[in-house]
Amino acid sequence: MDVLRIREELRRGKTIYDLPLRVTFYARVSTDKDEQLNSLENQVQYYTELIQSRRNWMFVPGYVDEGISGVSTQRRDDFNRMIRDARAARFDFIITKEISRFSRSTLDSIKYTQELLEYNVGVLFQNDNINTLDSDSEFRLVVMAGVAQDEVRKLSERLKFGFRQAIKNGHVLGNDKLWGYDKKDCVLTVNESEAQVVRRIFDLYANRQMGIRRISQTLLDEGFTSREGNAFNVLTIRHILCNPKYKGWYCANKSRTVDYRSKRKVYLDESEWVTYPDPNVPAIVSEELWDRANALYKQRSRQMKQHQSAAGFHNRYAYSGKVVCGEHGVSYHRQVLKSAGGDKEVWQCREYRNRGRAGCSSPQLHTAELDRLMAEIFDRLVQDKQAIIDAVVSVLQALPDRRDSVGEIRRIEKALAALRAKKDRLLEMSVEGVISMAEFKQRNNGFNEQAEGLGRRLAELQAEKGGQATARLEEVRAVLEQELTFQNGIYSALVTAILDHIVVKKGSTKEVLHLDVHLKFGGPWEAVLDRKRASIVCVPA
């Protein structure tokens, strides 16, 4: 039945129990404690018997959520399934205990009841005596839902007060699984087997000056693993290094809840933290060691931020985020290896960086190898390279002999330099996404036409200078040949603009690497890098 017909029947004196409806129920408890679960069983039994006892109603199995808060509907699976079933017209009426079973948010309560009415589904909030099929139900719903929402706010304030009192009484709150400690009845005691790892982390970082990823690998090599038997996660090591509890200090006010309904938090600056020596927290490392480790951590963090800010982190390296491990589907990360022969820039799978060879068997790649690969592909893309060189030389040979051209040559050279600067900036804007590819092509073609005209005029003027252009034809040919074969390397901006990503295929070895090279323009290329033969072979896929 639709809502209009039901309301018409109710106006004629009938009750909701007199109408032929398909009826279901919704039940929820906010915790999974035994007494609450028993209450839930009672709700289910009560509503099942109530619906089945009405001869005009047809029973539809109900919807039940266990141990879920009423503040939000995001993680209430059966509630969301009920809304979907209402949309599919599988029932006409829902019975539930009270408004707070639906939601303690006024907006949510109104939103969902209005949505259900659009699907021709009414709701009876039994304890609140509100039937959304009644014409005046929305006003009463707003009032009652507002009361339920205010109860959540009061509960939040009571919890905060309870936390403050517990802290005053020497009870340690927070994570029950803090590495290095056992926690029982809000009291921390040192777990010596785990504390050994904590001391080792601080020693490696502060005394040995190791980086966090190297610490993770060192711990794994020494037989120290997480509770799950894996290598220590990089984030776990960072949290250990930065937690004042390990030097025996209390630490609170790291975050603040912005909205008690959504429970959204913001993390506060360290200057706003509340920290002090706490006799209830046994120290695992000395204050001196903890302070040195954190001073080093902050110094490295500042250096990294400055480094990223000055260099434009995401675009600084042409291959950042563009080399992908075919085995794990994650990006390769840049690493600089120091040796007697000098520094070498390489790229390694993220899993290898975190866990070593046990984490990933994919080989690392040298930047020089990637440059050679891209140069090979660019060379293959320039199919008419020799024709381009011959055409330029032919133009130079046909130039007439003119005089008094030095001033004009300088003006054209300046104009060409300005055009090149504009093209470089245009390419940067395209790479950064400031302009679309269509706009890039249009403006770049315009610059190319201007440069072509200036180039022709420049060539003519240069030829006027006593026939010197003819004498330099072979030099011009050699320069063009060298530039078009990328013997002097390639420009990072060009790689950034053209390369989409490179996949290091599963099964690649240290000696022979199989790669898939995907360009932003055109189809992919298959490449084989053979280090024994020092060769690169690439063909269109």
Protein backbone atom coordinates (compact mmCIF):
# COMPACT_ATOMS: atom_id res chain seq x y z
CA MET A 1 0.00 0.00 0.00
CA ASP A 2 1.14 3.53 -0.63
CA VAL A 3 1.39 6.18 2.10
CA LEU A 4 -1.52 8.30 0.82
CA ARG A 5 -3.95 5.38 0.89
CA ILE A 6 -2.81 4.33 4.38
CA ARG A 7 -3.27 7.87 5.76
CA GLU A 8 -6.72 8.01 4.18
CA GLU A 9 -7.67 4.77 5.94
CA LEU A 10 -6.34 6.09 9.25
CA ARG A 11 -8.43 9.29 8.88
CA ARG A 12 -11.53 7.11 8.47
CA GLY A 13 -10.98 5.67 11.95
CA LYS A 14 -9.01 2.54 11.24
CA THR A 15 -5.85 1.71 13.20
CA ILE A 16 -2.54 0.54 11.84
CA TYR A 17 -3.37 -2.97 13.10
CA ASP A 18 -6.48 -3.12 10.87
CA LEU A 19 -4.56 -2.66 7.61
CA PRO A 20 -3.16 -5.54 5.49
CA LEU A 21 0.57 -4.78 5.74
CA ARG A 22 3.83 -6.65 5.36
CA VAL A 23 5.56 -5.86 8.64
CA THR A 24 9.16 -6.30 9.84
CA PHE A 25 11.20 -5.01 12.79
CA TYR A 26 14.62 -3.51 13.54
CA ALA A 27 16.54 -4.29 16.76
CA ARG A 28 19.95 -3.12 17.92
CA VAL A 29 22.14 -3.09 21.02
CA SER A 30 25.17 -0.83 21.40
CA THR A 31 27.49 -3.35 23.09
CA ASP A 32 28.12 -7.07 22.83
CA LYS A 33 28.00 -7.80 26.56
CA ASP A 34 25.99 -10.83 27.68
CA GLU A 35 23.20 -8.83 29.31
CA GLN A 36 22.79 -6.71 26.19
CA LEU A 37 22.74 -9.74 23.92
CA ASN A 38 20.08 -11.26 26.14
CA SER A 39 18.11 -8.03 25.73
CA LEU A 40 18.49 -8.35 21.97
CA GLU A 41 17.13 -11.90 22.02
CA ASN A 42 14.17 -10.66 24.00
CA GLN A 43 13.53 -7.88 21.46
CA VAL A 44 13.61 -10.32 18.57
CA GLN A 45 11.22 -12.72 20.31
CA TYR A 46 8.86 -9.92 21.35
CA TYR A 47 8.57 -8.33 17.89
CA THR A 48 8.25 -11.68 16.13
CA GLU A 49 5.34 -12.70 18.36
CA LEU A 50 3.75 -9.22 18.13
CA ILE A 51 3.71 -9.16 14.34
CA GLN A 52 2.58 -12.77 13.96
CA SER A 53 -0.28 -12.22 16.44
CA ARG A 54 -1.92 -9.64 14.15
CA ARG A 55 -4.13 -11.44 11.64
CA ASN A 56 -4.02 -8.58 9.10
CA TRP A 57 -0.23 -8.44 9.09
CA MET A 58 2.20 -10.63 7.20
CA PHE A 59 5.45 -11.27 9.07
CA VAL A 60 8.74 -10.37 7.29
CA PRO A 61 11.94 -11.53 9.07
CA GLY A 62 13.52 -8.69 11.00
CA TYR A 63 16.89 -6.89 10.88
CA VAL A 64 19.34 -7.07 13.79
CA ASP A 65 22.66 -5.28 14.52
CA GLU A 66 24.81 -6.38 17.47
CA GLY A 67 27.37 -4.25 19.33
CA ILE A 68 27.06 -1.20 17.05
CA SER A 69 26.77 2.42 18.19
CA GLY A 70 23.70 4.44 17.27
CA VAL A 71 25.68 7.61 16.52
CA SER A 72 26.36 6.62 12.92
CA THR A 73 24.78 4.20 10.42
CA GLN A 74 27.97 3.62 8.43
CA ARG A 75 28.89 0.27 10.02
CA ARG A 76 25.37 -1.05 10.72
CA ASP A 77 25.09 -3.75 8.08
CA ASP A 78 21.54 -4.93 8.77
CA PHE A 79 20.21 -1.37 9.05
CA ASN A 80 21.64 -0.53 5.63
CA ARG A 81 20.29 -3.82 4.23
CA MET A 82 16.86 -2.88 5.60
CA ILE A 83 16.96 0.45 3.72
CA ARG A 84 17.90 -1.38 0.50
CA ASP A 85 15.07 -3.88 0.97
CA ALA A 86 12.62 -1.02 1.58
CA ARG A 87 13.71 0.48 -1.72
CA ALA A 88 12.96 -2.91 -3.32
CA ALA A 89 9.42 -2.85 -1.80
CA ARG A 90 9.86 -6.02 0.31
CA PHE A 91 7.76 -4.72 3.23
CA ASP A 92 5.37 -1.87 4.16
CA PHE A 93 5.97 -1.19 7.85
CA ILE A 94 8.83 -1.33 10.40
CA ILE A 95 8.51 -1.60 14.17
CA THR A 96 11.41 -0.59 16.39
CA LYS A 97 11.82 0.17 20.08
CA GLU A 98 12.66 3.89 20.01
CA ILE A 99 14.18 6.65 17.91
CA SER A 100 17.66 5.99 19.31
CA ARG A 101 17.55 2.49 17.75
CA PHE A 102 17.52 4.17 14.33
CA SER A 103 20.03 6.89 15.15
CA ARG A 104 20.87 9.38 17.90
CA SER A 105 21.49 11.98 15.20
CA THR A 106 18.44 14.17 14.57
CA LEU A 107 19.39 14.67 10.94
CA ASP A 108 19.92 10.94 10.37
CA SER A 109 16.62 10.01 12.02
CA ILE A 110 14.65 12.46 9.89
CA LYS A 111 16.58 11.61 6.74
CA TYR A 112 15.97 7.87 6.98
CA THR A 113 12.30 8.11 7.96
CA GLN A 114 11.69 10.50 5.05
CA GLU A 115 13.58 8.17 2.71
CA LEU A 116 11.47 5.23 3.89
CA LEU A 117 8.26 7.22 3.33
CA GLU A 118 9.39 7.83 -0.24
CA TYR A 119 9.50 4.04 -0.59
CA ASN A 120 5.97 3.84 0.92
CA VAL A 121 7.33 2.36 4.16
CA GLY A 122 6.26 3.63 7.58
CA VAL A 123 8.02 3.27 10.95
CA LEU A 124 6.53 2.81 14.42
CA PHE A 125 8.86 3.99 17.20
CA GLN A 126 7.02 2.06 19.90
CA ASN A 127 8.32 3.59 23.16
CA ASP A 128 8.13 7.12 21.73
CA ASN A 129 4.60 6.50 20.37
CA ILE A 130 5.50 7.94 16.98
CA ASN A 131 4.11 6.44 13.77
CA THR A 132 5.59 8.12 10.70
CA LEU A 133 2.42 7.29 8.77
CA ASP A 134 0.62 9.89 10.94
CA SER A 135 0.59 13.34 9.33
CA ASP A 136 1.94 15.08 12.47
CA SER A 137 4.73 12.57 13.08
CA GLU A 138 7.59 14.67 11.70
CA PHE A 139 7.25 17.43 14.31
CA ARG A 140 7.21 14.94 17.20
CA LEU A 141 10.09 13.04 15.58
CA VAL A 142 12.25 16.21 15.52
CA VAL A 143 11.62 16.82 19.21
CA MET A 144 12.30 13.24 20.32
CA ALA A 145 15.34 12.80 18.06
CA GLY A 146 16.79 16.03 19.43
CA VAL A 147 16.46 14.66 22.96
CA ALA A 148 18.24 11.43 21.91
CA GLN A 149 21.03 13.42 20.25
CA ASP A 150 21.56 15.55 23.36
CA GLU A 151 21.89 12.35 25.39
CA VAL A 152 24.88 11.38 23.20
CA ARG A 153 26.49 14.75 23.91
CA LYS A 154 26.00 14.29 27.65
CA LEU A 155 27.41 10.75 27.47
CA SER A 156 30.49 12.09 25.66
CA GLU A 157 31.03 14.69 28.39
CA ARG A 158 30.61 12.06 31.13
CA LEU A 159 33.20 9.82 29.45
CA LYS A 160 35.70 12.68 29.25
CA PHE A 161 35.18 13.44 32.93
CA GLY A 162 35.67 9.77 33.76
CA PHE A 163 38.95 9.71 31.79
CA ARG A 164 40.25 12.74 33.70
CA GLN A 165 39.38 11.18 37.06
CA ALA A 166 41.01 7.87 36.10
CA ILE A 167 44.23 9.68 35.19
CA LYS A 168 44.21 11.52 38.55
CA ASN A 169 43.87 8.17 40.31
CA GLY A 170 46.98 6.80 38.60
CA HIS A 171 45.19 4.63 36.01
CA VAL A 172 47.00 4.36 32.66
CA LEU A 173 44.57 4.71 29.74
CA GLY A 174 45.11 4.13 26.06
CA ASN A 175 46.33 1.21 23.96
CA ASP A 176 46.11 -2.19 25.67
CA LYS A 177 48.64 -3.64 23.20
CA LEU A 178 51.48 -1.15 23.57
CA TRP A 179 54.70 -2.88 22.50
CA GLY A 180 57.02 -3.54 25.42
CA TYR A 181 54.33 -3.45 28.10
CA ASP A 182 51.65 -5.67 29.59
CA LYS A 183 48.52 -3.89 30.77
CA LYS A 184 46.10 -5.16 33.40
CA ASP A 185 43.53 -3.18 35.34
CA CYS A 186 44.90 0.08 33.86
CA VAL A 187 48.41 -0.67 35.22
CA LEU A 188 51.45 -1.05 32.97
CA THR A 189 54.27 -3.51 33.62
CA VAL A 190 57.35 -4.04 31.47
CA ASN A 191 57.33 -7.09 29.18
CA GLU A 192 61.06 -7.82 29.10
CA SER A 193 61.09 -9.88 25.90
CA GLU A 194 59.37 -7.04 24.01
CA ALA A 195 61.26 -4.31 25.87
CA GLN A 196 64.47 -5.78 24.44
CA VAL A 197 63.25 -4.85 20.95
CA VAL A 198 62.32 -1.31 22.06
CA ARG A 199 65.82 -0.76 23.50
CA ARG A 200 67.36 -2.13 20.31
CA ILE A 201 65.32 0.26 18.16
CA PHE A 202 66.44 3.29 20.16
CA ASP A 203 70.07 2.10 20.10
CA LEU A 204 70.09 1.56 16.32
CA TYR A 205 68.42 4.91 15.66
CA ALA A 206 70.11 7.23 18.16
CA ASN A 207 73.54 5.58 18.57
CA ARG A 208 74.05 3.82 15.24
CA GLN A 209 72.31 6.57 13.19
CA MET A 210 70.36 3.99 11.17
CA GLY A 211 67.32 4.87 9.09
CA ILE A 212 63.93 3.39 10.00
CA ARG A 213 63.72 1.02 7.02
CA ARG A 214 67.19 -0.30 7.72
CA ILE A 215 66.21 -0.81 11.38
CA SER A 216 63.24 -2.91 10.27
CA GLN A 217 65.50 -5.12 8.17
CA THR A 218 68.15 -5.36 10.92
CA LEU A 219 65.56 -6.48 13.47
CA LEU A 220 64.29 -9.12 11.06
CA ASP A 221 67.85 -10.36 10.43
CA GLU A 222 68.38 -10.59 14.22
CA GLY A 223 65.22 -12.68 14.62
CA PHE A 224 62.95 -9.98 16.06
CA THR A 225 59.46 -9.97 14.54
CA SER A 226 56.07 -8.45 15.27
CA ARG A 227 53.40 -10.32 17.20
CA GLU A 228 52.14 -11.64 13.86
CA GLY A 229 55.61 -12.97 12.95
CA ASN A 230 56.33 -10.30 10.31
CA ALA A 231 59.01 -7.66 9.99
CA PHE A 232 58.35 -4.54 12.04
CA ASN A 233 56.29 -2.05 10.09
CA VAL A 234 57.97 1.31 9.45
CA LEU A 235 55.04 3.14 11.08
CA THR A 236 55.31 0.91 14.17
CA ILE A 237 58.97 1.85 14.59
CA ARG A 238 58.14 5.56 14.21
CA HIS A 239 55.41 5.32 16.85
CA ILE A 240 57.80 3.58 19.24
CA LEU A 241 60.46 6.25 18.74
CA CYS A 242 58.01 9.11 19.33
CA ASN A 243 56.00 7.72 22.29
CA PRO A 244 57.05 9.42 25.59
CA LYS A 245 55.79 6.42 27.59
CA TYR A 246 59.04 4.61 26.79
CA LYS A 247 60.96 7.14 28.90
CA GLY A 248 58.36 6.90 31.68
CA TRP A 249 56.30 9.97 30.83
CA TYR A 250 52.55 10.48 30.66
CA CYS A 251 51.36 11.85 27.32
CA ALA A 252 47.84 13.01 26.44
CA ASN A 253 45.93 15.60 24.42
CA LYS A 254 47.49 14.41 21.17
CA SER A 255 44.13 14.69 19.41
CA ARG A 256 40.77 16.31 19.93
CA THR A 257 37.32 15.14 18.85
CA VAL A 258 35.78 17.80 16.64
CA ASP A 259 32.30 16.27 16.39
CA TYR A 260 30.96 13.83 18.97
CA ARG A 261 28.49 12.50 16.37
CA SER A 262 30.95 11.60 13.60
CA LYS A 263 33.83 11.09 16.09
CA ARG A 264 36.08 12.98 13.67
CA LYS A 265 39.43 13.83 15.26
CA VAL A 266 42.14 16.37 14.55
CA TYR A 267 45.72 15.74 15.64
CA LEU A 268 47.25 18.57 17.65
CA ASP A 269 50.70 20.08 17.38
CA GLU A 270 53.27 18.70 19.81
CA SER A 271 53.31 22.05 21.62
CA GLU A 272 49.72 21.34 22.77
CA TRP A 273 50.42 17.85 24.16
CA VAL A 274 50.22 17.30 27.91
CA THR A 275 53.37 15.44 29.04
CA TYR A 276 55.11 14.95 32.36
CA PRO A 277 57.09 12.25 34.24
CA ASP A 278 54.60 9.65 35.46
CA PRO A 279 55.50 7.23 38.30
CA ASN A 280 52.75 4.90 37.02
CA VAL A 281 54.57 4.37 33.70
CA PRO A 282 57.78 2.29 34.02
CA ALA A 283 60.52 3.53 31.69
CA ILE A 284 62.11 1.16 29.15
CA VAL A 285 64.82 3.56 27.91
CA SER A 286 66.52 6.49 29.61
CA GLU A 287 65.25 10.02 29.15
CA GLU A 288 68.63 11.00 27.69
CA LEU A 289 68.44 8.28 24.99
CA TRP A 290 64.80 9.03 24.18
CA ASP A 291 65.52 12.77 23.89
CA ARG A 292 68.50 12.17 21.58
CA ALA A 293 66.46 9.85 19.37
CA ASN A 294 63.63 12.37 19.07
CA ALA A 295 65.96 15.29 18.42
CA LEU A 296 67.44 13.27 15.53
CA TYR A 297 63.97 12.31 14.31
CA LYS A 298 62.83 15.96 14.23
CA GLN A 299 66.05 17.03 12.50
CA ARG A 300 65.61 14.42 9.78
CA SER A 301 61.94 15.36 9.39
CA ARG A 302 62.83 19.03 8.89
CA GLN A 303 65.51 18.15 6.37
CA MET A 304 63.11 15.95 4.44
CA LYS A 305 60.45 18.69 4.33
CA GLN A 306 63.00 21.25 3.13
CA HIS A 307 64.29 18.79 0.58
CA GLN A 308 60.81 18.10 -0.74
CA SER A 309 59.80 21.76 -0.75
CA ALA A 310 62.90 22.96 -2.56
CA ALA A 311 62.93 20.23 -5.17
CA GLY A 312 59.24 19.75 -5.83
CA PHE A 313 59.14 16.24 -4.41
CA HIS A 314 56.70 14.55 -6.77
CA ASN A 315 58.34 15.87 -9.94
CA ARG A 316 61.95 15.99 -8.86
CA TYR A 317 62.83 12.54 -10.18
CA ALA A 318 61.54 11.54 -13.60
CA TYR A 319 60.78 7.95 -12.56
CA SER A 320 59.14 8.65 -9.17
CA GLY A 321 55.89 6.67 -9.00
CA LYS A 322 56.38 5.41 -12.56
CA VAL A 323 58.16 2.09 -11.95
CA VAL A 324 55.84 -0.65 -10.69
CA CYS A 325 56.60 -4.12 -9.30
CA GLY A 326 54.71 -6.74 -11.29
CA GLU A 327 54.85 -9.16 -8.35
CA HIS A 328 53.24 -6.92 -5.72
CA GLY A 329 51.70 -4.07 -7.74
CA VAL A 330 53.48 -1.39 -5.66
CA SER A 331 55.82 1.41 -6.72
CA TYR A 332 59.58 1.28 -6.82
CA HIS A 333 61.31 3.78 -4.51
CA ARG A 334 64.49 5.72 -5.19
CA GLN A 335 67.68 4.80 -3.32
CA VAL A 336 71.24 6.12 -3.61
CA LEU A 337 73.93 3.45 -3.14
CA LYS A 338 77.36 4.64 -2.10
CA SER A 339 80.44 2.79 -3.34
CA ALA A 340 84.13 3.37 -4.10
CA GLY A 341 83.16 4.11 -7.69
CA GLY A 342 80.76 6.86 -6.65
CA ASP A 343 77.07 7.19 -5.86
CA LYS A 344 74.57 5.21 -7.93
CA GLU A 345 70.87 6.03 -8.15
CA VAL A 346 68.72 2.89 -8.17
CA TRP A 347 65.03 2.00 -7.85
CA GLN A 348 63.79 -0.80 -5.57
CA CYS A 349 60.38 -2.35 -4.90
CA ARG A 350 58.73 -0.93 -1.80
CA GLU A 351 58.36 -4.43 -0.34
CA TYR A 352 62.08 -5.00 -0.82
CA ARG A 353 62.84 -1.67 0.87
CA ASN A 354 60.73 -2.68 3.88
CA ARG A 355 61.57 -6.36 4.22
CA GLY A 356 64.62 -7.09 2.08
CA ARG A 357 64.90 -10.03 -0.32
CA ALA A 358 62.39 -11.98 1.78
CA GLY A 359 59.81 -9.33 0.91
CA CYS A 360 60.31 -9.19 -2.86
CA SER A 361 62.47 -11.01 -5.39
CA SER A 362 62.12 -8.37 -8.13
CA PRO A 363 65.52 -6.89 -9.13
CA GLN A 364 66.44 -3.27 -8.66
CA LEU A 365 66.85 -0.91 -11.63
CA HIS A 366 69.56 1.70 -12.20
CA THR A 367 68.51 5.16 -13.35
CA ALA A 368 71.16 4.96 -16.07
CA GLU A 369 69.48 1.80 -17.38
CA LEU A 370 66.09 3.49 -17.41
CA ASP A 371 67.59 6.45 -19.28
CA ARG A 372 69.07 4.08 -21.90
CA LEU A 373 65.72 2.33 -22.25
CA MET A 374 63.81 5.59 -22.76
CA ALA A 375 66.44 6.87 -25.20
CA GLU A 376 66.05 3.64 -27.20
CA ILE A 377 62.28 4.06 -27.35
CA PHE A 378 62.52 7.76 -28.25
CA ASP A 379 64.99 6.86 -30.97
CA ARG A 380 62.54 4.31 -32.36
CA LEU A 381 59.75 6.87 -32.26
CA VAL A 382 61.74 9.30 -34.46
CA GLN A 383 61.35 7.17 -37.58
CA ASP A 384 62.55 9.79 -40.11
CA LYS A 385 65.59 10.92 -38.17
CA GLN A 386 67.94 10.87 -41.19
CA ALA A 387 65.37 12.60 -43.38
CA ILE A 388 65.14 15.40 -40.78
CA ILE A 389 68.92 15.84 -40.77
CA ASP A 390 69.14 15.85 -44.59
CA ALA A 391 66.34 18.40 -44.86
CA VAL A 392 68.07 20.80 -42.46
CA VAL A 393 71.39 20.47 -44.31
CA SER A 394 69.67 21.06 -47.67
CA VAL A 395 68.14 24.28 -46.39
CA LEU A 396 71.53 25.49 -45.19
CA GLN A 397 73.15 24.67 -48.55
CA ALA A 398 70.52 26.67 -50.47
CA LEU A 399 70.89 29.84 -48.42
CA PRO A 400 71.80 33.00 -50.41
CA ASP A 401 74.79 35.16 -49.53
CA ARG A 402 73.77 38.36 -47.70
CA ARG A 403 75.65 41.04 -45.68
CA ASP A 404 75.16 43.33 -42.68
CA SER A 405 73.11 40.76 -40.82
CA VAL A 406 74.85 40.57 -37.40
CA GLY A 407 72.33 42.80 -35.57
CA GLU A 408 69.33 40.95 -36.93
CA ILE A 409 70.92 37.60 -36.10
CA ARG A 410 71.24 38.65 -32.46
CA ARG A 411 67.62 39.80 -32.33
CA ILE A 412 66.41 36.48 -33.78
CA GLU A 413 68.58 34.49 -31.39
CA LYS A 414 67.05 36.37 -28.44
CA ALA A 415 63.57 35.75 -29.81
CA LEU A 416 64.32 32.03 -30.20
CA ALA A 417 65.67 31.86 -26.64
CA ALA A 418 62.48 33.50 -25.37
CA LEU A 419 60.42 31.00 -27.34
CA ARG A 420 62.36 28.09 -25.87
CA ALA A 421 61.75 29.44 -22.37
CA LYS A 422 58.03 29.72 -23.13
CA LYS A 423 57.97 26.14 -24.44
CA ASP A 424 59.79 24.88 -21.34
CA ARG A 425 57.28 26.63 -19.10
CA LEU A 426 54.42 25.31 -21.22
CA LEU A 427 55.72 21.76 -20.78
CA GLU A 428 55.99 22.26 -17.02
CA MET A 429 52.40 23.54 -16.92
CA SER A 430 51.23 20.46 -18.83
CA VAL A 431 53.15 18.09 -16.54
CA GLU A 432 51.72 19.81 -13.44
CA GLY A 433 48.19 19.59 -14.86
CA VAL A 434 47.73 23.36 -15.00
CA ILE A 435 46.63 23.17 -18.65
CA SER A 436 44.97 20.40 -20.63
CA MET A 437 46.78 18.35 -23.28
CA ALA A 438 44.65 19.94 -26.00
CA GLU A 439 45.67 23.44 -24.87
CA PHE A 440 49.30 22.31 -24.60
CA LYS A 441 49.27 21.04 -28.20
CA GLN A 442 47.58 24.17 -29.55
CA ARG A 443 49.96 26.62 -27.83
CA ASN A 444 53.00 24.47 -28.49
CA ASN A 445 52.18 24.28 -32.21
CA GLY A 446 51.93 28.07 -32.28
CA PHE A 447 55.36 28.41 -30.68
CA ASN A 448 56.75 25.83 -33.12
CA GLU A 449 55.45 27.82 -36.10
CA GLN A 450 57.06 31.00 -34.76
CA ALA A 451 60.32 29.17 -34.06
CA GLU A 452 60.26 27.60 -37.52
CA GLY A 453 59.93 31.00 -39.21
CA LEU A 454 62.64 32.53 -37.04
CA GLY A 455 64.84 29.50 -37.60
CA ARG A 456 64.57 29.82 -41.37
CA ARG A 457 65.42 33.50 -41.22
CA LEU A 458 68.31 32.85 -38.86
CA ALA A 459 69.70 30.19 -41.15
CA GLU A 460 69.53 32.61 -44.07
CA LEU A 461 71.35 35.32 -42.14
CA GLN A 462 74.02 32.97 -40.88
CA ALA A 463 74.69 31.82 -44.41
CA GLU A 464 75.32 35.42 -45.43
CA LYS A 465 78.39 35.60 -43.22
CA GLY A 466 81.00 34.89 -45.89
CA GLY A 467 79.76 31.40 -46.69
CA GLN A 468 80.57 30.15 -43.17
CA ALA A 469 77.34 28.13 -42.99
CA THR A 470 78.55 25.88 -45.79
CA ALA A 471 81.81 25.22 -43.95
CA ARG A 472 79.89 24.13 -40.83
CA LEU A 473 77.41 21.79 -42.52
CA GLU A 474 79.15 18.66 -41.31
CA GLU A 475 79.30 20.05 -37.79
CA VAL A 476 75.57 20.80 -37.90
CA ARG A 477 74.90 17.29 -39.18
CA ALA A 478 76.93 15.74 -36.34
CA VAL A 479 75.13 17.82 -33.70
CA LEU A 480 71.72 16.86 -35.05
CA GLU A 481 72.71 13.20 -35.18
CA GLN A 482 73.88 13.28 -31.57
CA GLU A 483 70.84 15.08 -30.23
CA LEU A 484 68.34 12.82 -31.99
CA THR A 485 70.03 9.67 -30.66
CA PHE A 486 69.99 11.02 -27.05
CA GLN A 487 73.71 10.34 -26.57
CA ASN A 488 73.88 13.17 -24.02
CA GLY A 489 71.08 11.70 -21.94
CA ILE A 490 67.44 12.69 -21.79
CA TYR A 491 65.54 15.50 -20.15
CA SER A 492 63.54 14.64 -17.01
CA ALA A 493 60.68 16.86 -18.13
CA LEU A 494 60.44 14.90 -21.39
CA VAL A 495 60.23 11.59 -19.52
CA THR A 496 57.62 13.03 -17.15
CA ALA A 497 55.53 14.28 -20.05
CA ILE A 498 55.66 11.10 -22.16
CA LEU A 499 56.15 8.12 -19.81
CA ASP A 500 53.09 6.78 -17.98
CA HIS A 501 54.64 3.83 -16.13
CA ILE A 502 57.02 0.87 -16.40
CA VAL A 503 56.15 -2.58 -15.05
CA VAL A 504 58.97 -4.87 -13.91
CA LYS A 505 57.39 -8.18 -14.89
CA LYS A 506 57.19 -11.10 -12.49
CA GLY A 507 59.98 -13.59 -13.16
CA SER A 508 62.61 -10.96 -13.92
CA THR A 509 66.05 -11.80 -12.55
CA LYS A 510 69.12 -9.80 -11.62
CA GLU A 511 70.71 -10.72 -14.97
CA VAL A 512 67.69 -10.42 -17.31
CA LEU A 513 64.80 -8.03 -16.70
CA HIS A 514 61.53 -8.09 -18.64
CA LEU A 515 59.71 -4.76 -18.70
CA ASP A 516 56.45 -3.37 -20.04
CA VAL A 517 56.78 0.34 -20.89
CA HIS A 518 53.50 2.27 -21.12
CA LEU A 519 53.62 5.70 -22.77
CA LYS A 520 51.02 8.43 -22.49
CA PHE A 521 50.80 8.45 -26.27
CA GLY A 522 50.53 5.24 -28.28
CA GLY A 523 50.65 1.58 -27.32
CA PRO A 524 52.93 -0.16 -24.79
CA TRP A 525 56.44 -1.44 -25.50
CA GLU A 526 58.00 -4.73 -24.40
CA ALA A 527 61.64 -4.45 -23.36
CA VAL A 528 64.32 -6.92 -22.31
CA LEU A 529 67.31 -5.64 -20.34
CA ASP A 530 70.16 -8.15 -20.51
CA ARG A 531 72.89 -7.10 -18.09
CA LYS A 532 75.32 -9.85 -19.10
CA ARG A 533 75.29 -8.70 -22.71
CA ALA A 534 74.82 -5.05 -21.74
CA SER A 535 71.94 -4.85 -24.23
CA ILE A 536 68.43 -3.45 -24.32
CA VAL A 537 65.89 -4.76 -26.82
CA CYS A 538 62.49 -3.11 -27.07
CA VAL A 539 59.62 -3.67 -29.50
CA PRO A 540 56.06 -2.36 -29.67
CA ALA A 541 53.70 -4.76 -27.86
